[in-house]
C-alpha atoms as a PDB file:
ATOM      1  CA  MET A   1      -0.466  24.876  10.217  1.00  0.00           C
ATOM      2  CA  LYS A   2       2.075  24.285  13.001  1.00  0.00           C
ATOM      3  CA  TYR A   3       0.126  20.975  13.313  1.00  0.00           C
ATOM      4  CA  LEU A   4      -0.029  20.086  10.331  1.00  0.00           C
ATOM      5  CA  VAL A   5       3.801  20.298   9.515  1.00  0.00           C
ATOM      6  CA  SER A   6       4.052  17.885  13.568  1.00  0.00           C
ATOM      7  CA  LEU A   7       1.575  15.754  12.247  1.00  0.00           C
ATOM      8  CA  ILE A   8       3.703  15.120   8.565  1.00  0.00           C
ATOM      9  CA  CYS A   9       6.994  15.118  10.026  1.00  0.00           C
ATOM     10  CA  LEU A  10       4.910  11.982  12.327  1.00  0.00           C
ATOM     11  CA  PHE A  11       4.487  10.310   9.407  1.00  0.00           C
ATOM     12  CA  LEU A  12       7.648  10.925   7.883  1.00  0.00           C
ATOM     13  CA  PHE A  13       9.528   9.373  11.227  1.00  0.00           C
ATOM     14  CA  LEU A  14       7.445   6.670  11.438  1.00  0.00           C
ATOM     15  CA  ALA A  15       7.353   5.542   7.736  1.00  0.00           C
ATOM     16  CA  VAL A  16      11.088   5.979   8.034  1.00  0.00           C
ATOM     17  CA  ILE A  17      11.667   3.498  10.931  1.00  0.00           C
ATOM     18  CA  PHE A  18       8.892   0.936   9.299  1.00  0.00           C
ATOM     19  CA  LEU A  19      11.282   1.207   6.119  1.00  0.00           C
ATOM     20  CA  ASP A  20      14.651   0.563   8.335  1.00  0.00           C
ATOM     21  CA  GLN A  21      13.061  -1.924  10.547  1.00  0.00           C
ATOM     22  CA  ASN A  22      12.106  -4.134   7.083  1.00  0.00           C
ATOM     23  CA  SER A  23      14.561  -3.897   5.293  1.00  0.00           C
ATOM     24  CA  THR A  24      15.276  -7.692   4.388  1.00  0.00           C
ATOM     25  CA  PRO A  25      15.680  -8.835   1.741  1.00  0.00           C
ATOM     26  CA  VAL A  26      13.433 -11.517   0.562  1.00  0.00           C
ATOM     27  CA  PRO A  27      13.637 -14.338  -2.174  1.00  0.00           C
ATOM     28  CA  MET A  28      10.535 -14.056  -3.895  1.00  0.00           C
ATOM     29  CA  LYS A  29      10.329 -15.171  -7.836  1.00  0.00           C
ATOM     30  CA  ILE A  30       7.834 -13.514  -9.867  1.00  0.00           C
ATOM     31  CA  ILE A  31       6.353 -15.606 -12.173  1.00  0.00           C
ATOM     32  CA  ILE A  32       9.395 -17.674 -13.653  1.00  0.00           C
ATOM     33  CA  GLY A  33      13.002 -17.734 -13.547  1.00  0.00           C
ATOM     34  CA  ASN A  34      15.219 -16.944 -11.282  1.00  0.00           C
ATOM     35  CA  PRO A  35      14.235 -15.577  -7.241  1.00  0.00           C
ATOM     36  CA  HIS A  36      15.534 -12.076  -6.643  1.00  0.00           C
ATOM     37  CA  GLY A  37      15.926 -10.197  -3.274  1.00  0.00           C
ATOM     38  CA  ILE A  38      13.273  -7.846  -2.438  1.00  0.00           C
ATOM     39  CA  ARG A  39      12.998  -5.432   0.583  1.00  0.00           C
ATOM     40  CA  LEU A  40       9.945  -6.836   3.080  1.00  0.00           C
ATOM     41  CA  SER A  41       8.927  -2.973   3.095  1.00  0.00           C
ATOM     42  CA  LEU A  42       7.922  -2.679  -0.962  1.00  0.00           C
ATOM     43  CA  ILE A  43       6.715  -6.437  -0.748  1.00  0.00           C
ATOM     44  CA  ILE A  44       4.192  -4.395   2.044  1.00  0.00           C
ATOM     45  CA  ILE A  45       3.566  -1.378   0.868  1.00  0.00           C
ATOM     46  CA  VAL A  46       3.125  -2.567  -3.148  1.00  0.00           C
ATOM     47  CA  SER A  47       0.262  -5.118  -1.196  1.00  0.00           C
ATOM     48  CA  MET A  48      -1.038  -2.334   0.939  1.00  0.00           C
ATOM     49  CA  LEU A  49      -1.692  -0.286  -2.596  1.00  0.00           C
ATOM     50  CA  ILE A  50      -2.797  -3.022  -4.358  1.00  0.00           C
ATOM     51  CA  GLY A  51      -5.842  -3.699  -1.479  1.00  0.00           C
ATOM     52  CA  MET A  52      -6.394   0.100  -1.561  1.00  0.00           C
ATOM     53  CA  LEU A  53      -7.377   0.201  -5.195  1.00  0.00           C
ATOM     54  CA  LEU A  54      -9.035  -2.705  -5.339  1.00  0.00           C
ATOM     55  CA  ALA A  55     -11.095  -1.496  -2.537  1.00  0.00           C
ATOM     56  CA  ILE A  56     -11.243   1.963  -3.940  1.00  0.00           C
ATOM     57  CA  GLY A  57     -12.424  -0.215  -7.385  1.00  0.00           C
ATOM     58  CA  GLY A  58     -15.309  -2.287  -5.071  1.00  0.00           C
ATOM     59  CA  MET A  59     -16.839   0.276  -3.694  1.00  0.00           C
ATOM     60  CA  LEU A  60     -17.384   2.260  -6.764  1.00  0.00           C
ATOM     61  CA  LEU A  61     -18.887  -0.991  -8.828  1.00  0.00           C
ATOM     62  CA  ILE A  62     -20.852  -1.120  -5.612  1.00  0.00           C
ATOM     63  CA  LYS A  63     -22.230   2.679  -6.017  1.00  0.00           C
ATOM     64  CA  LYS A  64     -22.429   2.641  -9.681  1.00  0.00           C
ATOM     65  CA  VAL A  65     -25.039  -0.699  -9.057  1.00  0.00           C
ATOM     66  CA  GLN A  66     -26.242   1.151  -6.433  1.00  0.00           C
ATOM     67  CA  THR A  67     -27.686   4.003  -7.834  1.00  0.00           C
ATOM     68  CA  LYS A  68     -28.845   2.028 -11.255  1.00  0.00           C
ATOM     69  CA  ASN A  69     -31.238  -0.547  -9.524  1.00  0.00           C
ATOM     70  CA  LYS A  70     -32.497   2.995  -8.111  1.00  0.00           C
ATOM     71  CA  SER A  71     -33.408   4.273 -11.397  1.00  0.00           C
END
């Protein structure tokens, strides 16, 4: 339990440093309209989440196809 709390504290510390270092606004135009200043850290985190969801979806699809081919 003690190690888990230490690990969580370390993760939160690193997350705060990451958010602080990447807080500069980046002009980003979404489809149409004027560019809005979005924080770089938010862009990185959203990109990582989208990539993670696509990877999980791909793995599930491959597993489904493999089980279908076995039967």
